[in-house]
């Protein structure tokens, strides 16, 4: 809106609703406050360690099976039966519903990461503007943006 050929800014109240899940609120809260909440970080570190150990053990089993297939290792039927029993205990998720739910969860986590990055950028920009504004008040020659 213009008054006497000069722009006039006005703020209008707009209603809005924020819909989010608990995991999203925790993530955004941690990013915006920059806190490393130990109650969240510690279990994640434990899961990470467990996954690294699982990955190394699966690599050992895979190397053994590749060696048997290539003829480098002798077939041990008892070991092969144990590997087969272990594989049979693992759940298989090949249904389209699982794939859809997994992809939705993955997309949601990417969106949360993107939003947290935007939030951090906005906070950094606000701090930069505040610094520039406070410097401009002390030195009028710094009050322009060019």
C-alpha atoms as a PDB file:
ATOM      1  CA  UNK A   1       0.000   0.000   0.000  1.00  0.00           C
ATOM      2  CA  UNK A   2       1.297   3.480  -0.858  1.00  0.00           C
ATOM      3  CA  UNK A   3       0.652   6.729   1.009  1.00  0.00           C
ATOM      4  CA  UNK A   4       1.853   9.908  -0.772  1.00  0.00           C
ATOM      5  CA  UNK A   5       3.924   7.792  -3.182  1.00  0.00           C
ATOM      6  CA  UNK A   6       5.852   6.130  -0.372  1.00  0.00           C
ATOM      7  CA  UNK A   7       5.380   2.524   0.554  1.00  0.00           C
ATOM      8  CA  UNK A   8       3.642   1.847   3.825  1.00  0.00           C
ATOM      9  CA  UNK A   9       3.979  -1.528   5.417  1.00  0.00           C
ATOM     10  CA  UNK A  10       1.276  -3.073   7.499  1.00  0.00           C
ATOM     11  CA  UNK A  11       0.987  -6.394   9.250  1.00  0.00           C
ATOM     12  CA  UNK A  12      -2.172  -8.417   9.011  1.00  0.00           C
ATOM     13  CA  UNK A  13      -3.159 -11.187  11.376  1.00  0.00           C
ATOM     14  CA  UNK A  14      -3.477 -14.499   9.608  1.00  0.00           C
ATOM     15  CA  UNK A  15      -4.765 -17.637  11.259  1.00  0.00           C
ATOM     16  CA  UNK A  16      -2.648 -20.768  10.954  1.00  0.00           C
ATOM     17  CA  UNK A  17      -2.317 -24.239  12.416  1.00  0.00           C
ATOM     18  CA  UNK A  18       0.933 -26.172  12.806  1.00  0.00           C
ATOM     19  CA  UNK A  19       0.532 -29.908  12.524  1.00  0.00           C
ATOM     20  CA  UNK A  20       3.530 -32.020  13.484  1.00  0.00           C
ATOM     21  CA  UNK A  21       4.491 -35.279  15.090  1.00  0.00           C
ATOM     22  CA  UNK A  22       6.412 -35.633  18.336  1.00  0.00           C
ATOM     23  CA  UNK A  23       9.607 -36.692  16.535  1.00  0.00           C
ATOM     24  CA  UNK A  24       9.436 -33.603  14.319  1.00  0.00           C
ATOM     25  CA  UNK A  25       8.967 -31.293  17.316  1.00  0.00           C
ATOM     26  CA  UNK A  26      11.937 -32.855  19.116  1.00  0.00           C
ATOM     27  CA  UNK A  27      14.140 -32.536  16.036  1.00  0.00           C
ATOM     28  CA  UNK A  28      13.210 -28.933  15.356  1.00  0.00           C
ATOM     29  CA  UNK A  29      13.573 -28.041  19.041  1.00  0.00           C
ATOM     30  CA  UNK A  30      17.071 -29.544  19.151  1.00  0.00           C
ATOM     31  CA  UNK A  31      18.130 -27.760  15.969  1.00  0.00           C
ATOM     32  CA  UNK A  32      16.767 -24.354  16.954  1.00  0.00           C
ATOM     33  CA  UNK A  33      18.163 -24.437  20.472  1.00  0.00           C
ATOM     34  CA  UNK A  34      21.413 -26.090  19.446  1.00  0.00           C
ATOM     35  CA  UNK A  35      21.251 -28.467  22.376  1.00  0.00           C
ATOM     36  CA  UNK A  36      22.652 -31.947  22.358  1.00  0.00           C
ATOM     37  CA  UNK A  37      19.998 -33.617  24.476  1.00  0.00           C
ATOM     38  CA  UNK A  38      21.752 -36.615  26.029  1.00  0.00           C
ATOM     39  CA  UNK A  39      18.477 -38.465  26.502  1.00  0.00           C
ATOM     40  CA  UNK A  40      18.157 -38.605  22.716  1.00  0.00           C
ATOM     41  CA  UNK A  41      21.809 -38.781  21.682  1.00  0.00           C
ATOM     42  CA  UNK A  42      22.840 -41.679  23.943  1.00  0.00           C
ATOM     43  CA  UNK A  43      20.300 -44.211  22.567  1.00  0.00           C
ATOM     44  CA  UNK A  44      21.122 -43.124  19.019  1.00  0.00           C
ATOM     45  CA  UNK A  45      24.812 -43.754  19.651  1.00  0.00           C
ATOM     46  CA  UNK A  46      23.944 -47.190  21.033  1.00  0.00           C
ATOM     47  CA  UNK A  47      21.837 -47.992  17.955  1.00  0.00           C
ATOM     48  CA  UNK A  48      24.641 -46.795  15.706  1.00  0.00           C
ATOM     49  CA  UNK A  49      27.149 -49.023  17.496  1.00  0.00           C
ATOM     50  CA  UNK A  50      24.803 -51.994  17.281  1.00  0.00           C
ATOM     51  CA  UNK A  51      24.254 -51.420  13.557  1.00  0.00           C
ATOM     52  CA  UNK A  52      27.981 -51.149  12.911  1.00  0.00           C
ATOM     53  CA  UNK A  53      28.532 -54.446  14.757  1.00  0.00           C
ATOM     54  CA  UNK A  54      25.663 -56.104  12.855  1.00  0.00           C
ATOM     55  CA  UNK A  55      27.076 -54.869   9.561  1.00  0.00           C
ATOM     56  CA  UNK A  56      30.511 -56.307  10.338  1.00  0.00           C
ATOM     57  CA  UNK A  57      29.005 -59.678  11.297  1.00  0.00           C
ATOM     58  CA  UNK A  58      26.901 -59.794   8.132  1.00  0.00           C
ATOM     59  CA  UNK A  59      30.077 -59.022   6.163  1.00  0.00           C
ATOM     60  CA  UNK A  60      31.808 -62.029   7.781  1.00  0.00           C
ATOM     61  CA  UNK A  61      28.886 -64.321   6.895  1.00  0.00           C
ATOM     62  CA  UNK A  62      28.780 -62.951   3.351  1.00  0.00           C
ATOM     63  CA  UNK A  63      32.535 -63.443   2.935  1.00  0.00           C
ATOM     64  CA  UNK A  64      32.160 -67.052   4.122  1.00  0.00           C
ATOM     65  CA  UNK A  65      29.290 -67.721   1.707  1.00  0.00           C
ATOM     66  CA  UNK A  66      31.191 -66.090  -1.175  1.00  0.00           C
ATOM     67  CA  UNK A  67      34.222 -68.233  -0.305  1.00  0.00           C
ATOM     68  CA  UNK A  68      32.126 -71.404  -0.296  1.00  0.00           C
ATOM     69  CA  UNK A  69      30.552 -70.448  -3.604  1.00  0.00           C
ATOM     70  CA  UNK A  70      33.959 -69.722  -5.159  1.00  0.00           C
ATOM     71  CA  UNK A  71      35.405 -72.975  -3.768  1.00  0.00           C
ATOM     72  CA  UNK A  72      37.873 -71.242  -1.425  1.00  0.00           C
ATOM     73  CA  UNK A  73      36.230 -72.684   1.693  1.00  0.00           C
ATOM     74  CA  UNK A  74      35.008 -76.202   2.328  1.00  0.00           C
ATOM     75  CA  UNK A  75      31.254 -76.595   2.784  1.00  0.00           C
ATOM     76  CA  UNK A  76      30.304 -77.031   6.413  1.00  0.00           C
ATOM     77  CA  UNK A  77      26.673 -78.146   6.340  1.00  0.00           C
ATOM     78  CA  UNK A  78      26.132 -77.385  10.023  1.00  0.00           C
ATOM     79  CA  UNK A  79      27.317 -73.778   9.536  1.00  0.00           C
ATOM     80  CA  UNK A  80      25.196 -73.422   6.401  1.00  0.00           C
ATOM     81  CA  UNK A  81      22.138 -74.694   8.312  1.00  0.00           C
ATOM     82  CA  UNK A  82      22.791 -72.160  11.084  1.00  0.00           C
ATOM     83  CA  UNK A  83      23.049 -69.363   8.514  1.00  0.00           C
ATOM     84  CA  UNK A  84      19.812 -70.579   6.903  1.00  0.00           C
ATOM     85  CA  UNK A  85      18.069 -70.665  10.315  1.00  0.00           C
ATOM     86  CA  UNK A  86      19.305 -67.144  11.043  1.00  0.00           C
ATOM     87  CA  UNK A  87      18.027 -65.892   7.668  1.00  0.00           C
ATOM     88  CA  UNK A  88      14.652 -67.553   8.282  1.00  0.00           C
ATOM     89  CA  UNK A  89      14.266 -65.617  11.544  1.00  0.00           C
ATOM     90  CA  UNK A  90      14.682 -62.281   9.788  1.00  0.00           C
ATOM     91  CA  UNK A  91      11.416 -60.644   8.791  1.00  0.00           C
ATOM     92  CA  UNK A  92      10.862 -60.085   5.099  1.00  0.00           C
ATOM     93  CA  UNK A  93       9.046 -56.953   4.105  1.00  0.00           C
ATOM     94  CA  UNK A  94       8.161 -57.120   0.448  1.00  0.00           C
ATOM     95  CA  UNK A  95       4.613 -55.816   0.611  1.00  0.00           C
ATOM     96  CA  UNK A  96       3.718 -52.620  -1.265  1.00  0.00           C
ATOM     97  CA  UNK A  97       2.256 -51.197   1.963  1.00  0.00           C
ATOM     98  CA  UNK A  98       5.624 -51.508   3.709  1.00  0.00           C
ATOM     99  CA  UNK A  99       7.459 -49.898   0.795  1.00  0.00           C
ATOM    100  CA  UNK A 100       4.960 -47.033   0.741  1.00  0.00           C
ATOM    101  CA  UNK A 101       5.191 -46.481   4.511  1.00  0.00           C
ATOM    102  CA  UNK A 102       8.990 -46.669   4.410  1.00  0.00           C
ATOM    103  CA  UNK A 103       9.219 -44.149   1.573  1.00  0.00           C
ATOM    104  CA  UNK A 104       6.805 -41.783   3.343  1.00  0.00           C
ATOM    105  CA  UNK A 105       8.859 -41.970   6.531  1.00  0.00           C
ATOM    106  CA  UNK A 106      12.058 -41.394   4.558  1.00  0.00           C
ATOM    107  CA  UNK A 107      10.531 -38.393   2.768  1.00  0.00           C
ATOM    108  CA  UNK A 108       9.339 -36.992   6.103  1.00  0.00           C
ATOM    109  CA  UNK A 109      12.809 -37.281   7.596  1.00  0.00           C
ATOM    110  CA  UNK A 110      14.329 -35.527   4.575  1.00  0.00           C
ATOM    111  CA  UNK A 111      11.743 -32.758   4.921  1.00  0.00           C
ATOM    112  CA  UNK A 112      12.564 -32.352   8.619  1.00  0.00           C
ATOM    113  CA  UNK A 113      16.256 -32.110   7.782  1.00  0.00           C
ATOM    114  CA  UNK A 114      15.532 -29.520   5.105  1.00  0.00           C
ATOM    115  CA  UNK A 115      13.323 -27.488   7.442  1.00  0.00           C
ATOM    116  CA  UNK A 116      15.895 -27.598  10.228  1.00  0.00           C
ATOM    117  CA  UNK A 117      18.535 -26.316   7.800  1.00  0.00           C
ATOM    118  CA  UNK A 118      16.218 -23.513   6.741  1.00  0.00           C
ATOM    119  CA  UNK A 119      15.561 -22.682  10.391  1.00  0.00           C
ATOM    120  CA  UNK A 120      19.266 -22.479  11.167  1.00  0.00           C
ATOM    121  CA  UNK A 121      19.810 -20.290   8.116  1.00  0.00           C
ATOM    122  CA  UNK A 122      16.980 -17.980   9.160  1.00  0.00           C
ATOM    123  CA  UNK A 123      18.435 -17.675  12.674  1.00  0.00           C
ATOM    124  CA  UNK A 124      21.885 -16.898  11.265  1.00  0.00           C
ATOM    125  CA  UNK A 125      20.407 -14.318   8.905  1.00  0.00           C
ATOM    126  CA  UNK A 126      18.453 -12.702  11.738  1.00  0.00           C
ATOM    127  CA  UNK A 127      21.651 -12.479  13.797  1.00  0.00           C
ATOM    128  CA  UNK A 128      23.478 -10.919  10.846  1.00  0.00           C
ATOM    129  CA  UNK A 129      20.722  -8.351  10.331  1.00  0.00           C
ATOM    130  CA  UNK A 130      20.687  -7.558  14.049  1.00  0.00           C
ATOM    131  CA  UNK A 131      24.464  -7.068  14.046  1.00  0.00           C
ATOM    132  CA  UNK A 132      24.313  -4.858  10.972  1.00  0.00           C
ATOM    133  CA  UNK A 133      21.434  -2.846  12.437  1.00  0.00           C
ATOM    134  CA  UNK A 134      23.235  -2.319  15.740  1.00  0.00           C
ATOM    135  CA  UNK A 135      26.402  -1.228  13.904  1.00  0.00           C
ATOM    136  CA  UNK A 136      24.330   1.147  11.781  1.00  0.00           C
ATOM    137  CA  UNK A 137      22.977   2.845  14.901  1.00  0.00           C
ATOM    138  CA  UNK A 138      26.510   3.584  16.113  1.00  0.00           C
ATOM    139  CA  UNK A 139      27.920   4.581  12.715  1.00  0.00           C
ATOM    140  CA  UNK A 140      25.395   6.149  10.303  1.00  0.00           C
ATOM    141  CA  UNK A 141      27.665   5.456   7.315  1.00  0.00           C
ATOM    142  CA  UNK A 142      27.054   1.700   7.832  1.00  0.00           C
ATOM    143  CA  UNK A 143      23.258   1.956   7.723  1.00  0.00           C
ATOM    144  CA  UNK A 144      22.978   1.116   4.012  1.00  0.00           C
ATOM    145  CA  UNK A 145      23.139  -2.358   2.486  1.00  0.00           C
ATOM    146  CA  UNK A 146      25.492  -1.787  -0.433  1.00  0.00           C
END
